Amino acid sequence: MIRLNSETPSEVLQEVKKGDLVTDTFSKTGLVESIETSDDGLYRIYTFHLVTGRTIVIKR
């Protein structure tokens, strides 16, 4: 299981792939259904959509 939070290194965030089991260490846990990455100029934003319908968003 991969723990995703604001302290997770960028290298780990980039290696997460569809089907990986992830958690936000709080209340969201599940398999990754899709991943979106975007850059707003200040932060790189990783959005992980889980098969449970929940979403984990990490700004780095």
PDB file of N, CA and C in Angstrom:
ATOM      1  N   MET A   1       0.847  -1.177   0.000  1.00  0.00           N
ATOM      2  CA  MET A   1       0.000   0.000   0.000  1.00  0.00           C
ATOM      3  C   MET A   1       0.894   1.241   0.000  1.00  0.00           C
ATOM      4  N   ILE A   2       0.544   2.207  -0.825  1.00  0.00           N
ATOM      5  CA  ILE A   2       1.319   3.433  -0.955  1.00  0.00           C
ATOM      6  C   ILE A   2       0.595   4.544  -0.199  1.00  0.00           C
ATOM      7  N   ARG A   3       1.319   5.204   0.685  1.00  0.00           N
ATOM      8  CA  ARG A   3       0.748   6.287   1.479  1.00  0.00           C
ATOM      9  C   ARG A   3       0.937   7.608   0.732  1.00  0.00           C
ATOM     10  N   LEU A   4      -0.160   8.306   0.471  1.00  0.00           N
ATOM     11  CA  LEU A   4      -0.112   9.562  -0.264  1.00  0.00           C
ATOM     12  C   LEU A   4      -0.491  10.715   0.657  1.00  0.00           C
ATOM     13  N   ASN A   5       0.427  11.654   0.834  1.00  0.00           N
ATOM     14  CA  ASN A   5       0.144  12.873   1.588  1.00  0.00           C
ATOM     15  C   ASN A   5       1.113  13.952   1.140  1.00  0.00           C
ATOM     16  N   SER A   6       1.078  15.105   1.781  1.00  0.00           N
ATOM     17  CA  SER A   6       1.916  16.233   1.366  1.00  0.00           C
ATOM     18  C   SER A   6       3.403  15.972   1.576  1.00  0.00           C
ATOM     19  N   GLU A   7       3.751  14.958   2.367  1.00  0.00           N
ATOM     20  CA  GLU A   7       5.152  14.630   2.615  1.00  0.00           C
ATOM     21  C   GLU A   7       5.679  13.514   1.711  1.00  0.00           C
ATOM     22  N   THR A   8       4.828  12.956   0.868  1.00  0.00           N
ATOM     23  CA  THR A   8       5.245  11.895  -0.044  1.00  0.00           C
ATOM     24  C   THR A   8       6.173  12.484  -1.110  1.00  0.00           C
ATOM     25  N   PRO A   9       7.368  11.890  -1.297  1.00  0.00           N
ATOM     26  CA  PRO A   9       8.300  12.418  -2.307  1.00  0.00           C
ATOM     27  C   PRO A   9       7.704  12.399  -3.717  1.00  0.00           C
ATOM     28  N   SER A  10       8.075  13.379  -4.524  1.00  0.00           N
ATOM     29  CA  SER A  10       7.576  13.474  -5.900  1.00  0.00           C
ATOM     30  C   SER A  10       7.866  12.217  -6.702  1.00  0.00           C
ATOM     31  N   GLU A  11       9.013  11.589  -6.449  1.00  0.00           N
ATOM     32  CA  GLU A  11       9.383  10.365  -7.169  1.00  0.00           C
ATOM     33  C   GLU A  11       8.349   9.271  -6.931  1.00  0.00           C
ATOM     34  N   VAL A  12       7.867   9.170  -5.690  1.00  0.00           N
ATOM     35  CA  VAL A  12       6.871   8.151  -5.352  1.00  0.00           C
ATOM     36  C   VAL A  12       5.541   8.491  -6.026  1.00  0.00           C
ATOM     37  N   LEU A  13       5.158   9.772  -6.002  1.00  0.00           N
ATOM     38  CA  LEU A  13       3.902  10.182  -6.640  1.00  0.00           C
ATOM     39  C   LEU A  13       3.917   9.865  -8.129  1.00  0.00           C
ATOM     40  N   GLN A  14       5.062  10.045  -8.782  1.00  0.00           N
ATOM     41  CA  GLN A  14       5.167   9.794 -10.214  1.00  0.00           C
ATOM     42  C   GLN A  14       5.144   8.309 -10.549  1.00  0.00           C
ATOM     43  N   GLU A  15       5.508   7.456  -9.590  1.00  0.00           N
ATOM     44  CA  GLU A  15       5.559   6.010  -9.839  1.00  0.00           C
ATOM     45  C   GLU A  15       4.228   5.302  -9.604  1.00  0.00           C
ATOM     46  N   VAL A  16       3.264   5.987  -8.979  1.00  0.00           N
ATOM     47  CA  VAL A  16       1.958   5.374  -8.741  1.00  0.00           C
ATOM     48  C   VAL A  16       1.291   5.113 -10.086  1.00  0.00           C
ATOM     49  N   LYS A  17       0.705   3.924 -10.241  1.00  0.00           N
ATOM     50  CA  LYS A  17       0.059   3.571 -11.508  1.00  0.00           C
ATOM     51  C   LYS A  17      -1.330   2.996 -11.255  1.00  0.00           C
ATOM     52  N   LYS A  18      -2.084   2.894 -12.311  1.00  0.00           N
ATOM     53  CA  LYS A  18      -3.433   2.356 -12.237  1.00  0.00           C
ATOM     54  C   LYS A  18      -3.399   0.962 -11.615  1.00  0.00           C
ATOM     55  N   GLY A  19      -4.280   0.721 -10.646  1.00  0.00           N
ATOM     56  CA  GLY A  19      -4.352  -0.579 -10.000  1.00  0.00           C
ATOM     57  C   GLY A  19      -3.595  -0.652  -8.686  1.00  0.00           C
ATOM     58  N   ASP A  20      -2.755   0.362  -8.376  1.00  0.00           N
ATOM     59  CA  ASP A  20      -2.024   0.370  -7.103  1.00  0.00           C
ATOM     60  C   ASP A  20      -2.986   0.639  -5.944  1.00  0.00           C
ATOM     61  N   LEU A  21      -2.708   0.030  -4.796  1.00  0.00           N
ATOM     62  CA  LEU A  21      -3.485   0.266  -3.585  1.00  0.00           C
ATOM     63  C   LEU A  21      -2.875   1.452  -2.860  1.00  0.00           C
ATOM     64  N   VAL A  22      -3.675   2.500  -2.644  1.00  0.00           N
ATOM     65  CA  VAL A  22      -3.173   3.722  -2.018  1.00  0.00           C
ATOM     66  C   VAL A  22      -4.071   4.131  -0.855  1.00  0.00           C
ATOM     67  N   THR A  23      -3.524   4.979   0.027  1.00  0.00           N
ATOM     68  CA  THR A  23      -4.292   5.541   1.132  1.00  0.00           C
ATOM     69  C   THR A  23      -3.807   6.955   1.400  1.00  0.00           C
ATOM     70  N   ASP A  24      -4.691   7.772   1.951  1.00  0.00           N
ATOM     71  CA  ASP A  24      -4.286   9.115   2.356  1.00  0.00           C
ATOM     72  C   ASP A  24      -3.980   9.145   3.852  1.00  0.00           C
ATOM     73  N   THR A  25      -3.930   7.970   4.471  1.00  0.00           N
ATOM     74  CA  THR A  25      -3.646   7.759   5.903  1.00  0.00           C
ATOM     75  C   THR A  25      -4.736   8.311   6.800  1.00  0.00           C
ATOM     76  N   PHE A  26      -5.857   8.725   6.226  1.00  0.00           N
ATOM     77  CA  PHE A  26      -6.937   9.277   7.042  1.00  0.00           C
ATOM     78  C   PHE A  26      -8.217   8.486   6.839  1.00  0.00           C
ATOM     79  N   SER A  27      -8.845   8.654   5.691  1.00  0.00           N
ATOM     80  CA  SER A  27     -10.109   7.946   5.473  1.00  0.00           C
ATOM     81  C   SER A  27     -10.288   7.396   4.065  1.00  0.00           C
ATOM     82  N   LYS A  28      -9.389   7.755   3.161  1.00  0.00           N
ATOM     83  CA  LYS A  28      -9.532   7.326   1.764  1.00  0.00           C
ATOM     84  C   LYS A  28      -8.513   6.246   1.441  1.00  0.00           C
ATOM     85  N   THR A  29      -9.016   5.061   1.115  1.00  0.00           N
ATOM     86  CA  THR A  29      -8.163   3.940   0.745  1.00  0.00           C
ATOM     87  C   THR A  29      -8.823   3.214  -0.416  1.00  0.00           C
ATOM     88  N   GLY A  30      -8.022   2.793  -1.396  1.00  0.00           N
ATOM     89  CA  GLY A  30      -8.585   2.041  -2.505  1.00  0.00           C
ATOM     90  C   GLY A  30      -7.601   1.878  -3.634  1.00  0.00           C
ATOM     91  N   LEU A  31      -8.068   1.219  -4.683  1.00  0.00           N
ATOM     92  CA  LEU A  31      -7.261   1.016  -5.877  1.00  0.00           C
ATOM     93  C   LEU A  31      -7.375   2.233  -6.787  1.00  0.00           C
ATOM     94  N   VAL A  32      -6.265   2.596  -7.416  1.00  0.00           N
ATOM     95  CA  VAL A  32      -6.252   3.742  -8.322  1.00  0.00           C
ATOM     96  C   VAL A  32      -6.954   3.368  -9.623  1.00  0.00           C
ATOM     97  N   GLU A  33      -7.956   4.163  -9.987  1.00  0.00           N
ATOM     98  CA  GLU A  33      -8.678   3.954 -11.242  1.00  0.00           C
ATOM     99  C   GLU A  33      -8.087   4.826 -12.347  1.00  0.00           C
ATOM    100  N   SER A  34      -7.724   6.065 -11.991  1.00  0.00           N
ATOM    101  CA  SER A  34      -7.097   6.961 -12.958  1.00  0.00           C
ATOM    102  C   SER A  34      -6.277   8.017 -12.223  1.00  0.00           C
ATOM    103  N   ILE A  35      -5.329   8.612 -12.950  1.00  0.00           N
ATOM    104  CA  ILE A  35      -4.438   9.616 -12.377  1.00  0.00           C
ATOM    105  C   ILE A  35      -4.392  10.811 -13.317  1.00  0.00           C
ATOM    106  N   GLU A  36      -4.503  12.003 -12.743  1.00  0.00           N
ATOM    107  CA  GLU A  36      -4.364  13.237 -13.511  1.00  0.00           C
ATOM    108  C   GLU A  36      -3.243  14.053 -12.881  1.00  0.00           C
ATOM    109  N   THR A  37      -2.402  14.659 -13.703  1.00  0.00           N
ATOM    110  CA  THR A  37      -1.392  15.577 -13.191  1.00  0.00           C
ATOM    111  C   THR A  37      -1.548  16.899 -13.928  1.00  0.00           C
ATOM    112  N   SER A  38      -1.395  17.975 -13.185  1.00  0.00           N
ATOM    113  CA  SER A  38      -1.465  19.301 -13.785  1.00  0.00           C
ATOM    114  C   SER A  38      -0.486  20.206 -13.055  1.00  0.00           C
ATOM    115  N   ASP A  39      -0.222  21.339 -13.648  1.00  0.00           N
ATOM    116  CA  ASP A  39       0.728  22.290 -13.084  1.00  0.00           C
ATOM    117  C   ASP A  39       0.090  23.669 -13.143  1.00  0.00           C
ATOM    118  N   ASP A  40      -0.105  24.289 -11.981  1.00  0.00           N
ATOM    119  CA  ASP A  40      -0.731  25.611 -11.963  1.00  0.00           C
ATOM    120  C   ASP A  40       0.302  26.737 -11.910  1.00  0.00           C
ATOM    121  N   GLY A  41       1.565  26.419 -12.152  1.00  0.00           N
ATOM    122  CA  GLY A  41       2.627  27.410 -12.131  1.00  0.00           C
ATOM    123  C   GLY A  41       3.335  27.483 -10.796  1.00  0.00           C
ATOM    124  N   LEU A  42       2.618  27.221  -9.723  1.00  0.00           N
ATOM    125  CA  LEU A  42       3.205  27.240  -8.387  1.00  0.00           C
ATOM    126  C   LEU A  42       3.361  25.821  -7.841  1.00  0.00           C
ATOM    127  N   TYR A  43       2.353  25.005  -8.090  1.00  0.00           N
ATOM    128  CA  TYR A  43       2.346  23.629  -7.602  1.00  0.00           C
ATOM    129  C   TYR A  43       2.137  22.651  -8.750  1.00  0.00           C
ATOM    130  N   ARG A  44       2.642  21.441  -8.563  1.00  0.00           N
ATOM    131  CA  ARG A  44       2.294  20.326  -9.440  1.00  0.00           C
ATOM    132  C   ARG A  44       1.198  19.585  -8.681  1.00  0.00           C
ATOM    133  N   ILE A  45       0.065  19.383  -9.317  1.00  0.00           N
ATOM    134  CA  ILE A  45      -1.098  18.793  -8.654  1.00  0.00           C
ATOM    135  C   ILE A  45      -1.322  17.380  -9.180  1.00  0.00           C
ATOM    136  N   TYR A  46      -1.323  16.424  -8.257  1.00  0.00           N
ATOM    137  CA  TYR A  46      -1.581  15.020  -8.584  1.00  0.00           C
ATOM    138  C   TYR A  46      -2.980  14.683  -8.076  1.00  0.00           C
ATOM    139  N   THR A  47      -3.847  14.214  -8.963  1.00  0.00           N
ATOM    140  CA  THR A  47      -5.197  13.827  -8.593  1.00  0.00           C
ATOM    141  C   THR A  47      -5.358  12.341  -8.859  1.00  0.00           C
ATOM    142  N   PHE A  48      -5.599  11.590  -7.798  1.00  0.00           N
ATOM    143  CA  PHE A  48      -5.755  10.138  -7.891  1.00  0.00           C
ATOM    144  C   PHE A  48      -7.226   9.802  -7.684  1.00  0.00           C
ATOM    145  N   HIS A  49      -7.867   9.252  -8.722  1.00  0.00           N
ATOM    146  CA  HIS A  49      -9.264   8.824  -8.629  1.00  0.00           C
ATOM    147  C   HIS A  49      -9.270   7.344  -8.261  1.00  0.00           C
ATOM    148  N   LEU A  50      -9.972   7.007  -7.195  1.00  0.00           N
ATOM    149  CA  LEU A  50     -10.014   5.629  -6.713  1.00  0.00           C
ATOM    150  C   LEU A  50     -11.276   4.924  -7.205  1.00  0.00           C
ATOM    151  N   VAL A  51     -11.231   3.597  -7.255  1.00  0.00           N
ATOM    152  CA  VAL A  51     -12.382   2.817  -7.725  1.00  0.00           C
ATOM    153  C   VAL A  51     -13.574   2.978  -6.778  1.00  0.00           C
ATOM    154  N   THR A  52     -13.323   3.434  -5.557  1.00  0.00           N
ATOM    155  CA  THR A  52     -14.401   3.644  -4.584  1.00  0.00           C
ATOM    156  C   THR A  52     -15.175   4.928  -4.851  1.00  0.00           C
ATOM    157  N   GLY A  53     -14.694   5.735  -5.826  1.00  0.00           N
ATOM    158  CA  GLY A  53     -15.356   6.991  -6.128  1.00  0.00           C
ATOM    159  C   GLY A  53     -14.725   8.179  -5.415  1.00  0.00           C
ATOM    160  N   ARG A  54     -13.825   7.914  -4.519  1.00  0.00           N
ATOM    161  CA  ARG A  54     -13.137   8.994  -3.793  1.00  0.00           C
ATOM    162  C   ARG A  54     -11.960   9.504  -4.592  1.00  0.00           C
ATOM    163  N   THR A  55     -11.480  10.674  -4.230  1.00  0.00           N
ATOM    164  CA  THR A  55     -10.359  11.312  -4.915  1.00  0.00           C
ATOM    165  C   THR A  55      -9.358  11.806  -3.884  1.00  0.00           C
ATOM    166  N   ILE A  56      -8.080  11.552  -4.145  1.00  0.00           N
ATOM    167  CA  ILE A  56      -6.989  12.074  -3.317  1.00  0.00           C
ATOM    168  C   ILE A  56      -6.242  13.099  -4.161  1.00  0.00           C
ATOM    169  N   VAL A  57      -6.100  14.325  -3.645  1.00  0.00           N
ATOM    170  CA  VAL A  57      -5.407  15.400  -4.352  1.00  0.00           C
ATOM    171  C   VAL A  57      -4.175  15.795  -3.539  1.00  0.00           C
ATOM    172  N   ILE A  58      -3.022  15.779  -4.197  1.00  0.00           N
ATOM    173  CA  ILE A  58      -1.761  16.149  -3.561  1.00  0.00           C
ATOM    174  C   ILE A  58      -1.146  17.303  -4.337  1.00  0.00           C
ATOM    175  N   LYS A  59      -0.806  18.381  -3.631  1.00  0.00           N
ATOM    176  CA  LYS A  59      -0.117  19.517  -4.258  1.00  0.00           C
ATOM    177  C   LYS A  59       1.335  19.504  -3.823  1.00  0.00           C
ATOM    178  N   ARG A  60       2.252  19.535  -4.780  1.00  0.00           N
ATOM    179  CA  ARG A  60       3.697  19.516  -4.482  1.00  0.00           C
ATOM    180  C   ARG A  60       4.386  20.624  -5.205  1.00  0.00           C
TER     181      ARG A  60
END
